[in-house]
Protein backbone atom coordinates (compact mmCIF):
# COMPACT_ATOMS: atom_id res chain seq x y z
CA MET A 1 -37.48 0.69 19.48
CA ASP A 2 -36.13 -2.71 20.19
CA ALA A 3 -35.85 -4.05 23.71
CA SER A 4 -32.25 -3.67 25.55
CA PRO A 5 -30.06 -6.67 25.06
CA GLU A 6 -30.22 -9.16 27.88
CA ALA A 7 -27.17 -9.28 30.33
CA ALA A 8 -26.21 -12.52 29.00
CA GLN A 9 -25.61 -11.34 25.57
CA VAL A 10 -23.89 -8.37 26.50
CA GLU A 11 -21.54 -10.89 28.56
CA ALA A 12 -21.20 -13.27 25.49
CA VAL A 13 -19.91 -10.18 23.71
CA ARG A 14 -17.44 -9.06 26.23
CA ARG A 15 -16.46 -12.67 26.84
CA PHE A 16 -15.71 -13.04 23.03
CA ASN A 17 -13.58 -9.83 22.85
CA ARG A 18 -11.54 -10.92 25.61
CA PHE A 19 -10.90 -14.39 23.91
CA TYR A 20 -10.20 -13.07 20.41
CA THR A 21 -7.80 -10.00 21.72
CA ARG A 22 -6.01 -12.56 23.72
CA ARG A 23 -5.97 -15.11 20.54
CA ILE A 24 -4.52 -12.64 18.12
CA GLY A 25 -2.21 -10.92 20.51
CA VAL A 26 -3.35 -7.40 19.91
CA LEU A 27 -2.61 -6.37 23.51
CA ARG A 28 1.36 -7.38 23.13
CA GLU A 29 3.14 -4.01 23.41
CA GLY A 30 4.28 -4.63 19.92
CA LEU A 31 1.88 -6.14 17.11
CA LEU A 32 3.27 -9.31 15.56
CA ASP A 33 6.69 -8.79 17.22
CA THR A 34 6.92 -5.33 15.50
CA PRO A 35 7.46 -1.97 16.68
CA PHE A 36 4.19 -0.89 16.05
CA SER A 37 1.17 -0.87 18.36
CA LEU A 38 -2.30 -2.04 16.84
CA ALA A 39 -3.39 1.42 16.56
CA GLN A 40 -0.18 2.38 14.33
CA ALA A 41 -0.31 -0.73 12.39
CA ARG A 42 -3.90 0.26 11.31
CA VAL A 43 -2.85 3.84 10.51
CA LEU A 44 0.19 2.23 8.34
CA PHE A 45 -2.52 -0.12 6.60
CA GLU A 46 -4.46 2.40 5.59
CA ILE A 47 -2.01 4.64 4.12
CA GLY A 48 -0.50 1.27 2.38
CA THR A 49 -3.91 0.20 0.97
CA ARG A 50 -5.08 3.34 -0.36
CA GLY A 51 -1.96 4.41 -1.99
CA THR A 52 -2.15 8.00 -0.71
CA SER A 53 -4.83 9.16 2.01
CA THR A 54 -5.34 12.22 4.01
CA SER A 55 -5.42 12.56 8.07
CA GLY A 56 -9.17 13.23 7.77
CA ALA A 57 -9.79 9.70 5.66
CA ILE A 58 -7.77 7.88 8.00
CA ASN A 59 -9.99 9.28 11.13
CA ASP A 60 -12.99 8.38 9.48
CA GLU A 61 -12.09 4.96 8.87
CA LEU A 62 -10.26 4.36 12.27
CA ARG A 63 -12.04 6.87 14.40
CA LEU A 64 -9.22 7.79 16.59
CA ASP A 65 -8.70 10.94 18.68
CA PRO A 66 -7.25 13.23 16.30
CA GLY A 67 -4.51 14.51 18.52
CA TYR A 68 -3.38 10.78 19.23
CA LEU A 69 -3.63 9.99 15.12
CA SER A 70 -1.48 13.50 14.67
CA ARG A 71 1.25 12.03 16.87
CA ILE A 72 1.13 8.62 15.19
CA LEU A 73 1.77 10.42 11.98
CA ALA A 74 4.30 12.54 13.14
CA GLY A 75 6.24 9.46 14.11
CA PHE A 76 6.23 7.94 11.08
CA VAL A 77 7.45 10.99 9.00
CA ALA A 78 9.79 11.10 11.94
CA LYS A 79 10.94 7.64 11.03
CA ARG A 80 10.96 8.39 7.51
CA LEU A 81 8.33 5.85 6.83
CA VAL A 82 5.58 8.40 5.65
CA SER A 83 5.95 11.52 3.50
CA ARG A 84 3.41 14.37 3.40
CA ARG A 85 2.71 16.54 0.48
CA LYS A 86 0.02 18.90 -0.78
CA SER A 87 -2.47 17.84 -3.49
CA THR A 88 -2.22 19.43 -6.71
CA SER A 89 -5.86 20.05 -6.91
CA ASP A 90 -6.67 21.44 -3.46
CA ARG A 91 -3.49 23.14 -2.05
CA ARG A 92 -5.11 23.01 1.25
CA ARG A 93 -5.15 19.14 1.51
CA VAL A 94 -1.94 17.28 2.76
CA LEU A 95 -1.53 13.67 1.02
CA LEU A 96 0.02 11.15 3.16
CA PHE A 97 2.00 8.18 1.23
CA LEU A 98 4.60 5.73 2.30
CA THR A 99 8.05 6.01 1.43
CA ALA A 100 10.43 2.99 0.27
CA LYS A 101 11.20 2.28 3.81
CA GLY A 102 7.65 2.50 4.86
CA GLN A 103 6.38 0.40 1.92
CA GLN A 104 8.94 -2.51 3.34
CA ALA A 105 7.88 -2.10 6.84
CA PHE A 106 4.26 -2.08 5.68
CA ALA A 107 5.07 -5.38 3.54
CA GLU A 108 6.73 -7.18 6.60
CA LEU A 109 3.82 -6.57 8.85
CA GLU A 110 1.59 -7.66 6.33
CA LEU A 111 3.30 -10.95 5.71
CA LYS A 112 3.86 -11.43 9.50
CA ALA A 113 -0.37 -10.79 10.11
CA ARG A 114 -0.98 -13.43 6.95
CA ASN A 115 1.59 -15.96 8.45
CA GLU A 116 -0.07 -15.73 11.82
CA ALA A 117 -3.74 -15.88 10.33
CA SER A 118 -2.74 -18.79 8.32
CA ALA A 119 -1.03 -20.78 11.46
CA MET A 120 -4.02 -20.02 13.26
CA LEU A 121 -6.17 -21.90 10.78
CA GLY A 122 -4.04 -24.35 9.94
CA GLY A 123 -4.23 -25.79 13.24
CA LEU A 124 -7.60 -26.58 12.53
CA PRO A 125 -9.51 -29.31 10.28
CA VAL A 126 -10.32 -28.19 6.93
CA ALA A 127 -14.05 -28.31 7.65
CA LYS A 128 -13.69 -26.08 10.87
CA ARG A 129 -11.72 -23.53 8.88
CA ALA A 130 -14.34 -22.77 6.37
CA GLN A 131 -17.03 -22.92 9.51
CA VAL A 132 -14.72 -20.20 11.15
CA THR A 133 -14.08 -17.88 8.25
CA SER A 134 -17.96 -18.13 7.26
CA SER A 135 -18.84 -17.17 10.65
CA MET A 136 -16.43 -14.21 10.70
CA ASN A 137 -17.78 -13.14 7.60
CA GLU A 138 -21.27 -13.32 8.69
CA LEU A 139 -20.34 -11.49 12.07
CA GLN A 140 -18.91 -8.64 9.99
CA GLY A 141 -21.76 -8.23 7.67
CA LEU A 142 -24.47 -8.40 10.90
CA LEU A 143 -22.27 -5.68 12.81
CA SER A 144 -21.66 -3.66 9.57
CA ASP A 145 -23.19 -0.17 9.38
CA ALA A 146 -26.72 -0.19 7.47
CA SER A 147 -25.25 1.69 4.46
CA PRO A 148 -22.84 -0.28 2.23
CA ASP A 149 -19.13 0.14 2.26
CA THR A 150 -18.15 1.79 -1.04
CA THR A 151 -14.51 1.81 0.00
CA PRO A 152 -12.65 -0.82 -2.51
CA ARG A 153 -11.68 -3.45 -0.37
CA LEU A 154 -8.17 -4.77 -1.40
CA VAL A 155 -6.41 -8.29 -0.21
CA ILE A 156 -3.18 -9.73 -0.99
CA ARG A 157 -2.94 -13.23 -0.20
CA THR A 158 -0.62 -16.23 -0.90
CA HIS A 159 -1.86 -18.22 -4.22
CA ARG A 160 -4.67 -21.07 -3.91
CA LEU A 161 -6.23 -23.35 -6.31
CA GLY A 162 -7.07 -21.96 -9.48
CA ASP A 163 -4.72 -19.03 -9.33
CA ILE A 164 -2.20 -20.26 -11.53
CA GLY A 165 -4.39 -20.89 -14.31
CA TRP A 166 -5.92 -17.39 -14.08
CA ALA A 167 -2.38 -15.81 -13.96
CA ILE A 168 -1.06 -17.64 -17.29
CA GLU A 169 -4.51 -16.73 -19.06
CA ARG A 170 -4.37 -13.00 -17.77
CA HIS A 171 -0.44 -12.73 -18.72
CA ALA A 172 -1.10 -14.00 -22.21
CA ARG A 173 -4.20 -11.71 -22.73
CA LEU A 174 -3.11 -8.47 -21.45
CA TYR A 175 0.23 -8.83 -23.19
CA ALA A 176 -1.27 -9.43 -26.54
CA ASP A 177 -3.49 -6.52 -26.22
CA GLU A 178 -1.21 -3.80 -24.86
CA TYR A 179 2.11 -5.12 -26.37
CA GLY A 180 1.24 -7.29 -29.24
CA TRP A 181 3.19 -10.04 -27.97
CA ASN A 182 2.27 -13.60 -29.39
CA GLU A 183 1.54 -17.12 -27.88
CA GLU A 184 5.35 -17.58 -27.52
CA PHE A 185 5.27 -15.45 -24.27
CA GLU A 186 2.22 -17.31 -23.01
CA ALA A 187 4.27 -20.41 -23.68
CA LEU A 188 7.17 -18.67 -21.30
CA VAL A 189 4.73 -17.80 -18.51
CA ALA A 190 3.08 -21.10 -18.42
CA THR A 191 6.54 -22.93 -18.39
CA LEU A 192 7.43 -20.63 -15.49
CA PHE A 193 4.30 -21.01 -13.58
CA ALA A 194 4.21 -24.76 -14.07
CA ARG A 195 7.43 -25.08 -12.62
CA PHE A 196 6.66 -23.21 -9.61
CA ALA A 197 3.07 -25.02 -8.84
CA SER A 198 4.81 -28.31 -9.12
CA ARG A 199 7.75 -28.17 -7.11
CA HIS A 200 8.47 -24.83 -5.53
CA ASP A 201 9.89 -24.91 -1.76
CA PRO A 202 7.10 -23.01 0.51
CA ALA A 203 10.15 -21.77 3.01
CA ARG A 204 12.26 -20.12 0.08
CA GLU A 205 9.53 -19.63 -2.78
CA ARG A 206 6.03 -18.13 -2.93
CA CYS A 207 3.41 -16.62 -4.90
CA TRP A 208 0.88 -13.53 -3.89
CA VAL A 209 -2.48 -12.72 -5.58
CA ALA A 210 -3.89 -9.41 -5.24
CA GLU A 211 -7.66 -9.18 -5.07
CA LEU A 212 -10.05 -6.06 -5.46
CA ASN A 213 -13.59 -6.39 -4.16
CA GLY A 214 -13.04 -10.36 -4.43
CA GLU A 215 -11.58 -10.30 -7.85
CA ARG A 216 -8.28 -11.26 -8.80
CA VAL A 217 -6.29 -8.30 -10.30
CA GLY A 218 -2.62 -8.96 -9.96
CA CYS A 219 0.16 -11.87 -8.78
CA VAL A 220 3.69 -12.01 -8.64
CA PHE A 221 6.27 -14.77 -7.16
CA VAL A 222 9.55 -15.52 -5.94
CA VAL A 223 11.79 -18.34 -6.63
CA GLN A 224 15.26 -19.05 -5.76
CA ASN A 225 17.66 -18.18 -8.67
CA ASP A 226 19.04 -20.98 -10.78
CA ALA A 227 22.62 -19.49 -11.03
CA ASP A 228 22.78 -18.30 -7.48
CA PRO A 229 21.09 -19.91 -4.52
CA ALA A 230 21.88 -16.70 -2.33
CA ALA A 231 19.47 -14.66 -4.90
CA ALA A 232 15.84 -14.53 -5.12
CA GLN A 233 13.99 -14.36 -8.40
CA LEU A 234 11.26 -12.05 -8.82
CA ARG A 235 9.15 -13.05 -11.70
CA CYS A 236 5.62 -12.38 -13.52
CA LEU A 237 4.68 -9.46 -11.68
CA LEU A 238 1.15 -8.28 -13.33
CA VAL A 239 -1.32 -5.63 -12.58
CA ASP A 240 -4.64 -5.68 -14.18
CA PRO A 241 -5.86 -2.40 -15.71
CA ARG A 242 -8.69 -2.81 -13.11
CA GLY A 243 -6.53 -2.74 -10.34
CA ARG A 244 -3.96 0.08 -11.21
CA GLY A 245 -3.19 3.35 -9.71
CA ARG A 246 -4.01 1.62 -6.32
CA GLY A 247 -0.56 0.93 -5.12
CA ILE A 248 -0.87 -2.91 -5.88
CA GLY A 249 2.24 -3.24 -7.87
CA GLY A 250 4.43 -1.75 -5.11
CA ARG A 251 2.72 -3.89 -2.59
CA LEU A 252 3.14 -7.12 -4.52
CA ILE A 253 6.94 -5.93 -4.75
CA GLY A 254 7.41 -4.87 -1.33
CA ASP A 255 5.95 -8.46 0.11
CA CYS A 256 8.57 -10.28 -2.48
CA ILE A 257 11.29 -8.29 -0.91
CA ALA A 258 10.21 -8.66 2.56
CA PHE A 259 9.62 -12.53 2.02
CA ALA A 260 13.13 -12.75 0.24
CA ARG A 261 15.02 -10.98 3.23
CA SER A 262 13.04 -13.36 5.98
CA ALA A 263 14.12 -16.14 4.04
CA GLY A 264 17.68 -15.21 4.10
CA TYR A 265 18.30 -14.43 0.60
CA ARG A 266 21.11 -11.93 0.20
CA ARG A 267 19.99 -10.22 -3.07
CA ILE A 268 16.69 -10.09 -4.97
CA VAL A 269 16.74 -10.00 -8.86
CA LEU A 270 14.67 -9.71 -11.86
CA TRP A 271 14.40 -9.92 -15.53
CA THR A 272 12.16 -7.20 -17.49
CA ASN A 273 11.93 -5.72 -20.88
CA ASP A 274 12.56 -1.79 -21.43
CA VAL A 275 9.02 -1.41 -22.46
CA LEU A 276 7.66 -2.31 -19.23
CA VAL A 277 8.10 1.23 -18.30
CA ALA A 278 5.61 1.32 -15.44
CA ALA A 279 6.99 -1.80 -14.10
CA ARG A 280 10.54 -0.43 -14.41
CA HIS A 281 9.29 2.78 -12.26
CA LEU A 282 8.11 0.32 -9.68
CA TYR A 283 11.39 -1.30 -9.57
CA GLU A 284 13.35 1.76 -9.47
CA ALA A 285 11.02 2.95 -6.37
CA ALA A 286 11.63 -0.12 -4.52
CA GLY A 287 15.41 0.35 -4.69
CA PHE A 288 16.42 -2.01 -7.72
CA GLU A 289 19.07 -1.19 -9.91
CA LEU A 290 19.67 -1.91 -13.71
CA ILE A 291 22.22 -4.34 -14.09
CA SER A 292 22.66 -5.34 -17.74
CA SER A 293 20.70 -4.86 -20.66
CA GLU A 294 20.68 -7.13 -23.98
CA PRO A 295 18.59 -6.63 -27.46
CA TYR A 296 16.99 -9.84 -28.45
CA HIS A 297 13.99 -10.54 -30.75
CA ARG A 298 11.25 -12.81 -28.96
CA PHE A 299 7.55 -12.76 -28.81
CA GLY A 300 7.21 -11.51 -32.11
CA HIS A 301 9.04 -8.28 -31.41
CA ASP A 302 12.41 -6.70 -31.37
CA LEU A 303 13.02 -5.98 -27.66
CA VAL A 304 15.63 -5.09 -24.82
CA GLY A 305 15.90 -7.32 -22.00
CA GLN A 306 17.34 -5.92 -18.67
CA ASN A 307 18.47 -7.46 -15.69
CA TRP A 308 17.81 -5.61 -12.24
CA ALA A 309 18.79 -6.41 -8.62
CA LYS A 310 18.81 -5.13 -4.96
CA GLU A 311 20.91 -6.29 -2.49
CA LEU A 312 18.82 -7.16 1.00
CA ARG A 313 20.23 -6.24 4.38
CA GLN A 314 19.92 -9.10 6.90
CA ASP A 315 19.19 -8.69 10.58
CA GLY A 316 22.59 -8.43 12.13
CA ASP A 317 24.15 -6.83 9.27
CA GLY A 318 26.84 -4.04 9.51
């Protein structure tokens, strides 16, 4: 057996723990100025990232006291953030999933967490940012269990260099493979993304990319609507087949809604096609309503375009 750690090493760990918990504010009553404690936020995160989960799976991951976890879940159910249903394959298992209200709360919490992390790194020189994140990755690896973690790791982040090119190519290839759409669609997507990349307002417009185990599997972006400055326009939602069935589309839409609300928009709108059935179901689940439909011919096919909208209630509204 290895010798016990030195007292100075133990104190170094404790000193770092005190520093970092103070630095990221986890000891405040509400994490990131939200109504959630750190434990509540982690439970919400586990359900949101898994799509569906069970109390047992959450407890295995977070190692909370079962009674404490039960009280957190009961509170979420009472606030209509989480719903329960019995598994169709095993009636003894109760599945947990976020309601529309829960998805919105989760998206807002994620957005605040990413913004706070961005602000912390933004205060450092570029070279130090890379050093900090590299050290964090190394520390996580050193302290991880010996057995590899097989749980898929989902990250949704704002776009960075290389993401726009990937998004254009993936849209073109996927829609050609699944719907037979021609290069006219690729040209449209390229125009929309190029316009965003070249002149977007970071305070009012934003793009997100979903990564699964480090690989890009989804994207979406929000811009100001051309005809209505009070409306945000959701554009180019995509989830790669490798990422489907994990709730990624719902999370991307939730991030768009939360950002649009925080940016002060009064509504969020989008244009889609009736053949995109899975996407339409996600929009409906997020509270969008169909406003109008119109047949047209484009991308090599006869299609029906649809306009959807969702009103955004702002803080202070009645």
